[in-house]
N, C-alpha and C. Protein backbone atom coordinates (compact mmCIF):
# COMPACT_ATOMS: atom_id res chain seq x y z
N MET A 1 47.95 -0.03 -17.17
CA MET A 1 48.29 1.25 -17.76
C MET A 1 48.27 1.08 -19.28
N PRO A 2 47.37 1.77 -19.96
CA PRO A 2 47.22 1.59 -21.40
C PRO A 2 48.47 1.89 -22.22
N LEU A 3 49.30 2.80 -21.77
CA LEU A 3 50.50 3.14 -22.53
C LEU A 3 51.52 2.01 -22.56
N LEU A 4 51.42 1.09 -21.61
CA LEU A 4 52.36 -0.03 -21.57
C LEU A 4 51.83 -1.27 -22.28
N GLN A 5 50.56 -1.24 -22.65
CA GLN A 5 49.98 -2.40 -23.34
C GLN A 5 50.64 -2.59 -24.69
N GLY A 6 50.93 -3.83 -24.99
CA GLY A 6 51.51 -4.16 -26.28
C GLY A 6 53.03 -4.05 -26.34
N LEU A 7 53.66 -3.63 -25.26
CA LEU A 7 55.12 -3.55 -25.26
C LEU A 7 55.70 -4.95 -25.03
N SER A 8 56.79 -5.22 -25.72
CA SER A 8 57.50 -6.48 -25.47
C SER A 8 58.21 -6.36 -24.12
N GLN A 9 58.75 -7.47 -23.65
CA GLN A 9 59.45 -7.45 -22.37
C GLN A 9 60.65 -6.50 -22.43
N THR A 10 61.39 -6.52 -23.53
CA THR A 10 62.52 -5.62 -23.69
C THR A 10 62.07 -4.17 -23.67
N GLN A 11 60.99 -3.87 -24.38
CA GLN A 11 60.48 -2.51 -24.41
C GLN A 11 60.00 -2.07 -23.03
N TYR A 12 59.36 -2.95 -22.31
CA TYR A 12 58.90 -2.64 -20.96
C TYR A 12 60.08 -2.31 -20.06
N HIS A 13 61.15 -3.09 -20.16
CA HIS A 13 62.35 -2.83 -19.35
C HIS A 13 63.00 -1.50 -19.76
N LEU A 14 62.98 -1.20 -21.04
CA LEU A 14 63.52 0.08 -21.49
C LEU A 14 62.69 1.25 -20.96
N PHE A 15 61.38 1.07 -20.91
CA PHE A 15 60.50 2.11 -20.35
C PHE A 15 60.86 2.36 -18.88
N LEU A 16 61.03 1.28 -18.14
CA LEU A 16 61.42 1.41 -16.73
C LEU A 16 62.82 2.01 -16.60
N PHE A 17 63.68 1.73 -17.52
CA PHE A 17 65.03 2.30 -17.55
C PHE A 17 64.98 3.83 -17.71
N LEU A 18 64.01 4.32 -18.49
CA LEU A 18 63.92 5.75 -18.77
C LEU A 18 63.30 6.56 -17.63
N LEU A 19 62.47 5.94 -16.81
CA LEU A 19 61.76 6.69 -15.77
C LEU A 19 62.69 7.42 -14.80
N PRO A 20 63.75 6.81 -14.28
CA PRO A 20 64.64 7.57 -13.40
C PRO A 20 65.32 8.75 -14.11
N ILE A 21 65.57 8.61 -15.39
CA ILE A 21 66.16 9.71 -16.15
C ILE A 21 65.16 10.86 -16.22
N VAL A 22 63.89 10.52 -16.44
CA VAL A 22 62.84 11.55 -16.45
C VAL A 22 62.76 12.22 -15.08
N ALA A 23 62.80 11.42 -14.02
CA ALA A 23 62.67 11.96 -12.66
C ALA A 23 63.79 12.93 -12.31
N ARG A 24 64.95 12.74 -12.90
CA ARG A 24 66.08 13.63 -12.63
C ARG A 24 66.03 14.93 -13.43
N GLN A 25 65.07 15.05 -14.33
CA GLN A 25 64.98 16.24 -15.19
C GLN A 25 64.21 17.35 -14.49
N ARG A 26 64.81 17.91 -13.51
CA ARG A 26 64.20 19.04 -12.80
C ARG A 26 64.89 20.30 -13.23
N GLY A 27 64.13 21.32 -13.40
CA GLY A 27 64.69 22.59 -13.83
C GLY A 27 65.28 23.39 -12.69
N THR A 28 65.73 24.55 -13.03
CA THR A 28 66.25 25.50 -12.05
C THR A 28 65.28 26.68 -12.02
N ASP A 29 65.60 27.65 -11.19
CA ASP A 29 64.75 28.85 -11.15
C ASP A 29 64.75 29.58 -12.49
N LEU A 30 65.84 29.48 -13.21
CA LEU A 30 65.94 30.19 -14.49
C LEU A 30 65.35 29.40 -15.65
N VAL A 31 65.47 28.09 -15.61
CA VAL A 31 64.98 27.24 -16.71
C VAL A 31 64.09 26.15 -16.12
N ALA A 32 62.81 26.34 -16.27
CA ALA A 32 61.85 25.35 -15.77
C ALA A 32 61.70 24.23 -16.80
N VAL A 33 61.61 23.00 -16.33
CA VAL A 33 61.39 21.85 -17.20
C VAL A 33 59.92 21.47 -17.09
N THR A 34 59.29 21.30 -18.23
CA THR A 34 57.88 20.95 -18.26
C THR A 34 57.70 19.59 -18.95
N ASP A 35 56.49 19.09 -18.88
CA ASP A 35 56.17 17.85 -19.57
C ASP A 35 56.38 17.98 -21.07
N ASP A 36 56.12 19.15 -21.62
CA ASP A 36 56.34 19.38 -23.05
C ASP A 36 57.81 19.21 -23.42
N ASP A 37 58.70 19.63 -22.52
CA ASP A 37 60.13 19.45 -22.77
C ASP A 37 60.50 17.97 -22.83
N ILE A 38 59.93 17.19 -21.93
CA ILE A 38 60.18 15.74 -21.93
C ILE A 38 59.62 15.13 -23.21
N ALA A 39 58.41 15.53 -23.58
CA ALA A 39 57.80 14.99 -24.79
C ALA A 39 58.61 15.36 -26.03
N GLU A 40 59.05 16.61 -26.12
CA GLU A 40 59.82 17.05 -27.28
C GLU A 40 61.20 16.38 -27.33
N GLY A 41 61.81 16.21 -26.18
CA GLY A 41 63.11 15.52 -26.13
C GLY A 41 62.97 14.07 -26.53
N ALA A 42 61.93 13.41 -26.04
CA ALA A 42 61.68 12.01 -26.39
C ALA A 42 61.37 11.88 -27.88
N ALA A 43 60.59 12.81 -28.42
CA ALA A 43 60.23 12.76 -29.85
C ALA A 43 61.47 12.94 -30.73
N ALA A 44 62.32 13.90 -30.39
CA ALA A 44 63.53 14.12 -31.20
C ALA A 44 64.46 12.92 -31.15
N LEU A 45 64.62 12.36 -29.97
CA LEU A 45 65.50 11.20 -29.83
C LEU A 45 64.91 9.97 -30.53
N ALA A 46 63.60 9.78 -30.41
CA ALA A 46 62.95 8.68 -31.12
C ALA A 46 63.14 8.83 -32.63
N ALA A 47 62.99 10.04 -33.13
CA ALA A 47 63.18 10.28 -34.57
C ALA A 47 64.61 9.96 -34.99
N THR A 48 65.57 10.29 -34.11
CA THR A 48 66.97 9.98 -34.41
C THR A 48 67.18 8.48 -34.52
N TYR A 49 66.64 7.72 -33.56
CA TYR A 49 66.79 6.26 -33.60
C TYR A 49 66.02 5.65 -34.76
N GLU A 50 64.85 6.20 -35.09
CA GLU A 50 64.08 5.69 -36.23
C GLU A 50 64.84 5.93 -37.54
N THR A 51 65.46 7.09 -37.65
CA THR A 51 66.25 7.40 -38.85
C THR A 51 67.46 6.47 -38.94
N ALA A 52 68.10 6.23 -37.81
CA ALA A 52 69.27 5.33 -37.79
C ALA A 52 68.87 3.91 -38.16
N SER A 53 67.67 3.48 -37.79
CA SER A 53 67.25 2.12 -38.12
C SER A 53 67.04 1.94 -39.62
N ARG A 54 66.89 3.06 -40.34
CA ARG A 54 66.77 3.01 -41.80
C ARG A 54 68.12 3.20 -42.48
N GLY A 55 69.18 3.24 -41.68
CA GLY A 55 70.52 3.32 -42.24
C GLY A 55 71.06 4.72 -42.43
N LEU A 56 70.34 5.71 -41.95
CA LEU A 56 70.79 7.09 -42.08
C LEU A 56 71.22 7.63 -40.72
N ILE A 57 72.30 8.35 -40.71
CA ILE A 57 72.78 8.96 -39.47
C ILE A 57 72.40 10.44 -39.51
N TYR A 58 71.43 10.81 -38.70
CA TYR A 58 70.99 12.18 -38.62
C TYR A 58 70.44 12.41 -37.22
N GLU A 59 70.97 13.42 -36.55
CA GLU A 59 70.50 13.72 -35.20
C GLU A 59 69.41 14.78 -35.25
N HIS A 60 68.23 14.39 -34.87
CA HIS A 60 67.12 15.33 -34.78
C HIS A 60 67.29 16.12 -33.49
N ARG A 61 67.10 17.42 -33.56
CA ARG A 61 67.32 18.30 -32.40
C ARG A 61 65.98 18.70 -31.80
N ALA A 62 65.91 18.66 -30.51
CA ALA A 62 64.73 19.13 -29.80
C ALA A 62 64.72 20.66 -29.82
N PRO A 63 63.54 21.28 -29.78
CA PRO A 63 63.47 22.73 -29.93
C PRO A 63 63.87 23.55 -28.70
N THR A 64 63.87 22.95 -27.51
CA THR A 64 64.19 23.72 -26.30
C THR A 64 65.43 23.13 -25.62
N LEU A 65 66.10 23.97 -24.86
CA LEU A 65 67.29 23.52 -24.14
C LEU A 65 66.98 22.40 -23.14
N PRO A 66 65.90 22.51 -22.34
CA PRO A 66 65.59 21.40 -21.43
C PRO A 66 65.29 20.09 -22.18
N ALA A 67 64.65 20.18 -23.33
CA ALA A 67 64.37 18.98 -24.12
C ALA A 67 65.66 18.39 -24.65
N GLN A 68 66.59 19.25 -25.07
CA GLN A 68 67.89 18.77 -25.54
C GLN A 68 68.67 18.11 -24.41
N ARG A 69 68.59 18.69 -23.21
CA ARG A 69 69.28 18.10 -22.06
C ARG A 69 68.72 16.73 -21.73
N PHE A 70 67.40 16.57 -21.82
CA PHE A 70 66.80 15.27 -21.59
C PHE A 70 67.30 14.27 -22.62
N GLY A 71 67.32 14.67 -23.89
CA GLY A 71 67.82 13.79 -24.94
C GLY A 71 69.27 13.39 -24.72
N THR A 72 70.08 14.32 -24.29
CA THR A 72 71.49 14.04 -23.99
C THR A 72 71.61 13.06 -22.83
N ALA A 73 70.80 13.27 -21.79
CA ALA A 73 70.84 12.36 -20.63
C ALA A 73 70.46 10.94 -21.03
N VAL A 74 69.44 10.80 -21.85
CA VAL A 74 69.02 9.47 -22.31
C VAL A 74 70.11 8.86 -23.17
N THR A 75 70.67 9.63 -24.08
CA THR A 75 71.72 9.12 -24.97
C THR A 75 72.92 8.63 -24.17
N GLU A 76 73.33 9.42 -23.18
CA GLU A 76 74.48 9.02 -22.36
C GLU A 76 74.20 7.75 -21.57
N GLN A 77 73.02 7.66 -20.98
CA GLN A 77 72.67 6.47 -20.19
C GLN A 77 72.48 5.24 -21.08
N ALA A 78 71.92 5.44 -22.27
CA ALA A 78 71.63 4.32 -23.16
C ALA A 78 72.85 3.84 -23.93
N ALA A 79 73.91 4.64 -23.97
CA ALA A 79 75.10 4.28 -24.74
C ALA A 79 75.65 2.93 -24.31
N GLU A 80 75.71 2.68 -23.02
CA GLU A 80 76.23 1.40 -22.52
C GLU A 80 75.31 0.25 -22.91
N LEU A 81 73.99 0.48 -22.86
CA LEU A 81 73.04 -0.56 -23.24
C LEU A 81 73.15 -0.91 -24.72
N LEU A 82 73.32 0.10 -25.53
CA LEU A 82 73.30 -0.10 -26.98
C LEU A 82 74.64 -0.53 -27.56
N LYS A 83 75.70 -0.42 -26.76
CA LYS A 83 77.05 -0.69 -27.27
C LYS A 83 77.17 -2.07 -27.91
N ASP A 84 76.76 -3.10 -27.22
CA ASP A 84 76.89 -4.46 -27.74
C ASP A 84 75.54 -5.09 -28.06
N ALA A 85 74.49 -4.29 -28.03
CA ALA A 85 73.15 -4.82 -28.24
C ALA A 85 72.84 -4.93 -29.73
N PRO A 86 71.94 -5.85 -30.08
CA PRO A 86 71.51 -5.93 -31.48
C PRO A 86 70.74 -4.67 -31.87
N SER A 87 70.63 -4.42 -33.16
CA SER A 87 69.95 -3.21 -33.63
C SER A 87 68.48 -3.20 -33.25
N SER A 88 67.92 -4.36 -32.94
CA SER A 88 66.52 -4.40 -32.53
C SER A 88 66.29 -3.64 -31.23
N VAL A 89 67.29 -3.58 -30.36
CA VAL A 89 67.15 -2.84 -29.11
C VAL A 89 67.05 -1.35 -29.39
N GLU A 90 67.78 -0.88 -30.38
CA GLU A 90 67.69 0.53 -30.78
C GLU A 90 66.29 0.84 -31.30
N ARG A 91 65.72 -0.07 -32.08
CA ARG A 91 64.35 0.13 -32.57
C ARG A 91 63.36 0.08 -31.41
N ASP A 92 63.60 -0.82 -30.46
CA ASP A 92 62.74 -0.89 -29.28
C ASP A 92 62.80 0.41 -28.48
N LEU A 93 63.98 0.98 -28.36
CA LEU A 93 64.13 2.23 -27.64
C LEU A 93 63.35 3.35 -28.33
N ALA A 94 63.33 3.35 -29.65
CA ALA A 94 62.54 4.36 -30.39
C ALA A 94 61.06 4.20 -30.08
N VAL A 95 60.57 2.96 -30.04
CA VAL A 95 59.17 2.70 -29.71
C VAL A 95 58.85 3.20 -28.30
N VAL A 96 59.73 2.91 -27.38
CA VAL A 96 59.52 3.30 -25.98
C VAL A 96 59.57 4.82 -25.84
N LEU A 97 60.47 5.47 -26.54
CA LEU A 97 60.53 6.93 -26.49
C LEU A 97 59.25 7.55 -27.05
N ARG A 98 58.67 6.94 -28.06
CA ARG A 98 57.38 7.43 -28.58
C ARG A 98 56.28 7.27 -27.53
N ARG A 99 56.30 6.15 -26.80
CA ARG A 99 55.32 5.95 -25.72
C ARG A 99 55.53 6.98 -24.61
N LEU A 100 56.77 7.24 -24.30
CA LEU A 100 57.09 8.22 -23.27
C LEU A 100 56.62 9.61 -23.71
N GLU A 101 56.83 9.92 -24.97
CA GLU A 101 56.36 11.20 -25.51
C GLU A 101 54.85 11.31 -25.33
N ARG A 102 54.14 10.26 -25.71
CA ARG A 102 52.69 10.25 -25.60
C ARG A 102 52.24 10.40 -24.15
N ALA A 103 52.91 9.69 -23.25
CA ALA A 103 52.56 9.78 -21.83
C ALA A 103 52.76 11.20 -21.31
N ALA A 104 53.86 11.82 -21.67
CA ALA A 104 54.14 13.18 -21.21
C ALA A 104 53.11 14.17 -21.73
N ARG A 105 52.60 13.92 -22.93
CA ARG A 105 51.61 14.83 -23.50
C ARG A 105 50.20 14.58 -22.96
N GLU A 106 49.88 13.33 -22.65
CA GLU A 106 48.51 12.98 -22.28
C GLU A 106 48.21 13.02 -20.79
N VAL A 107 49.21 12.91 -19.94
CA VAL A 107 48.93 12.80 -18.51
C VAL A 107 48.31 14.07 -17.96
N ARG A 108 48.64 15.20 -18.53
CA ARG A 108 48.07 16.48 -18.07
C ARG A 108 46.56 16.49 -18.26
N THR A 109 46.08 15.95 -19.38
CA THR A 109 44.64 15.93 -19.62
C THR A 109 43.95 14.95 -18.68
N THR A 110 44.65 13.88 -18.33
CA THR A 110 44.06 12.89 -17.43
C THR A 110 44.06 13.37 -15.99
N LEU A 111 45.20 13.89 -15.53
CA LEU A 111 45.32 14.31 -14.13
C LEU A 111 44.95 15.77 -13.92
N GLY A 112 45.11 16.59 -14.94
CA GLY A 112 44.79 18.00 -14.83
C GLY A 112 45.60 18.73 -13.78
N GLU A 113 46.90 18.46 -13.70
CA GLU A 113 47.71 19.03 -12.64
C GLU A 113 48.73 20.06 -13.12
N GLY A 114 48.60 20.60 -14.29
CA GLY A 114 49.52 21.64 -14.73
C GLY A 114 50.59 21.15 -15.68
N LYS A 115 51.59 22.01 -15.87
CA LYS A 115 52.62 21.77 -16.87
C LYS A 115 53.65 20.72 -16.48
N THR A 116 53.65 20.29 -15.23
CA THR A 116 54.61 19.28 -14.79
C THR A 116 53.91 18.04 -14.22
N ALA A 117 52.71 17.77 -14.69
CA ALA A 117 51.95 16.63 -14.16
C ALA A 117 52.68 15.31 -14.37
N PHE A 118 53.27 15.12 -15.55
CA PHE A 118 53.98 13.87 -15.83
C PHE A 118 55.25 13.77 -14.98
N LEU A 119 56.02 14.85 -14.92
CA LEU A 119 57.23 14.86 -14.09
C LEU A 119 56.90 14.57 -12.63
N ASP A 120 55.83 15.19 -12.15
CA ASP A 120 55.41 14.96 -10.76
C ASP A 120 54.97 13.52 -10.54
N LEU A 121 54.24 12.97 -11.50
CA LEU A 121 53.78 11.59 -11.39
C LEU A 121 54.97 10.62 -11.36
N VAL A 122 55.91 10.81 -12.25
CA VAL A 122 57.10 9.94 -12.28
C VAL A 122 57.87 10.08 -10.97
N GLY A 123 58.00 11.30 -10.48
CA GLY A 123 58.68 11.53 -9.21
C GLY A 123 58.00 10.80 -8.07
N ARG A 124 56.67 10.85 -8.05
CA ARG A 124 55.93 10.13 -6.99
C ARG A 124 56.08 8.62 -7.16
N MET A 125 56.06 8.15 -8.40
CA MET A 125 56.20 6.71 -8.65
C MET A 125 57.54 6.20 -8.16
N LEU A 126 58.57 6.99 -8.36
CA LEU A 126 59.92 6.58 -7.98
C LEU A 126 60.32 7.10 -6.61
N ARG A 127 59.40 7.84 -5.98
CA ARG A 127 59.62 8.40 -4.65
C ARG A 127 60.87 9.26 -4.59
N GLN A 128 61.05 10.07 -5.61
CA GLN A 128 62.19 10.98 -5.67
C GLN A 128 61.84 12.24 -4.90
N GLU A 129 62.84 12.85 -4.31
CA GLU A 129 62.63 14.13 -3.63
C GLU A 129 62.37 15.20 -4.66
N GLN A 130 61.36 15.99 -4.43
CA GLN A 130 61.01 17.07 -5.33
C GLN A 130 61.64 18.36 -4.81
N PRO A 131 62.27 19.16 -5.65
CA PRO A 131 62.85 20.42 -5.19
C PRO A 131 61.78 21.31 -4.57
N GLY A 132 62.11 21.95 -3.48
CA GLY A 132 61.18 22.86 -2.84
C GLY A 132 60.17 22.19 -1.93
N THR A 133 60.30 20.88 -1.72
CA THR A 133 59.38 20.20 -0.81
C THR A 133 60.18 19.55 0.29
N ASP A 134 59.48 19.13 1.30
CA ASP A 134 60.13 18.44 2.41
C ASP A 134 59.99 16.92 2.28
N ALA A 135 59.68 16.44 1.08
CA ALA A 135 59.49 15.00 0.87
C ALA A 135 60.80 14.27 1.11
N PRO A 136 60.77 13.21 1.90
CA PRO A 136 62.00 12.46 2.15
C PRO A 136 62.44 11.69 0.93
N VAL A 137 63.71 11.51 0.81
CA VAL A 137 64.24 10.69 -0.26
C VAL A 137 64.07 9.23 0.16
N ALA A 138 63.34 8.47 -0.64
CA ALA A 138 63.05 7.09 -0.27
C ALA A 138 64.25 6.17 -0.47
N GLU A 139 65.13 6.60 -1.34
CA GLU A 139 66.24 5.72 -1.66
C GLU A 139 67.56 6.45 -1.47
N ARG A 140 68.33 6.05 -0.50
CA ARG A 140 69.65 6.63 -0.28
C ARG A 140 70.65 5.50 -0.47
N ARG A 141 71.62 5.74 -1.32
CA ARG A 141 72.57 4.70 -1.65
C ARG A 141 73.51 4.37 -0.50
N ASP A 142 73.73 5.31 0.42
CA ASP A 142 74.67 5.07 1.50
C ASP A 142 74.02 4.49 2.75
N GLU A 143 72.71 4.30 2.74
CA GLU A 143 72.02 3.73 3.88
C GLU A 143 71.54 2.33 3.54
N PRO A 144 71.50 1.44 4.52
CA PRO A 144 71.01 0.09 4.24
C PRO A 144 69.53 0.11 3.91
N ARG A 145 69.11 -0.78 3.06
CA ARG A 145 67.71 -0.84 2.63
C ARG A 145 66.92 -1.84 3.47
N LEU A 146 67.59 -2.63 4.25
CA LEU A 146 66.93 -3.63 5.06
C LEU A 146 66.77 -3.11 6.47
N ILE A 147 65.56 -3.15 6.99
CA ILE A 147 65.30 -2.71 8.36
C ILE A 147 65.26 -3.94 9.24
N VAL A 148 66.16 -3.99 10.20
CA VAL A 148 66.25 -5.13 11.09
C VAL A 148 65.61 -4.74 12.42
N PRO A 149 64.57 -5.46 12.87
CA PRO A 149 63.94 -5.12 14.14
C PRO A 149 64.95 -5.22 15.30
N GLY A 150 64.86 -4.25 16.20
CA GLY A 150 65.69 -4.28 17.39
C GLY A 150 67.08 -3.71 17.19
N SER A 151 67.37 -3.17 16.02
CA SER A 151 68.71 -2.61 15.82
C SER A 151 68.67 -1.11 15.72
């Protein structure tokens, strides 16, 4: 996957850390979430981390509510990671968010599947249940993951 080329091991792990957050960004009937929302949320958050790495505290705001919600979800999930981490991890997260932004913007041209091509792809990759479909949830926390023959 060209978007992952050149990432350090830490950046690669951060990219994988972000995918489930992306997969959970499903809209409602009133507010649809699109790939552009993911891209804009990732861009605003990356800009915030890039600004912080230069010693300035400024929160860049995404232009849409779904993009802001994505940024908030990432910030909340990443808070524990960044709490005791060196500042290089924050810079790595900015790099990964830029890659995520690029992926969300480019996958539609590659797959040609509409405004949610990236969200759908991530959902398929993680085997998440998609709203409005009968797709089974591949991962249930309350069920055992090991299948034992004869049981």
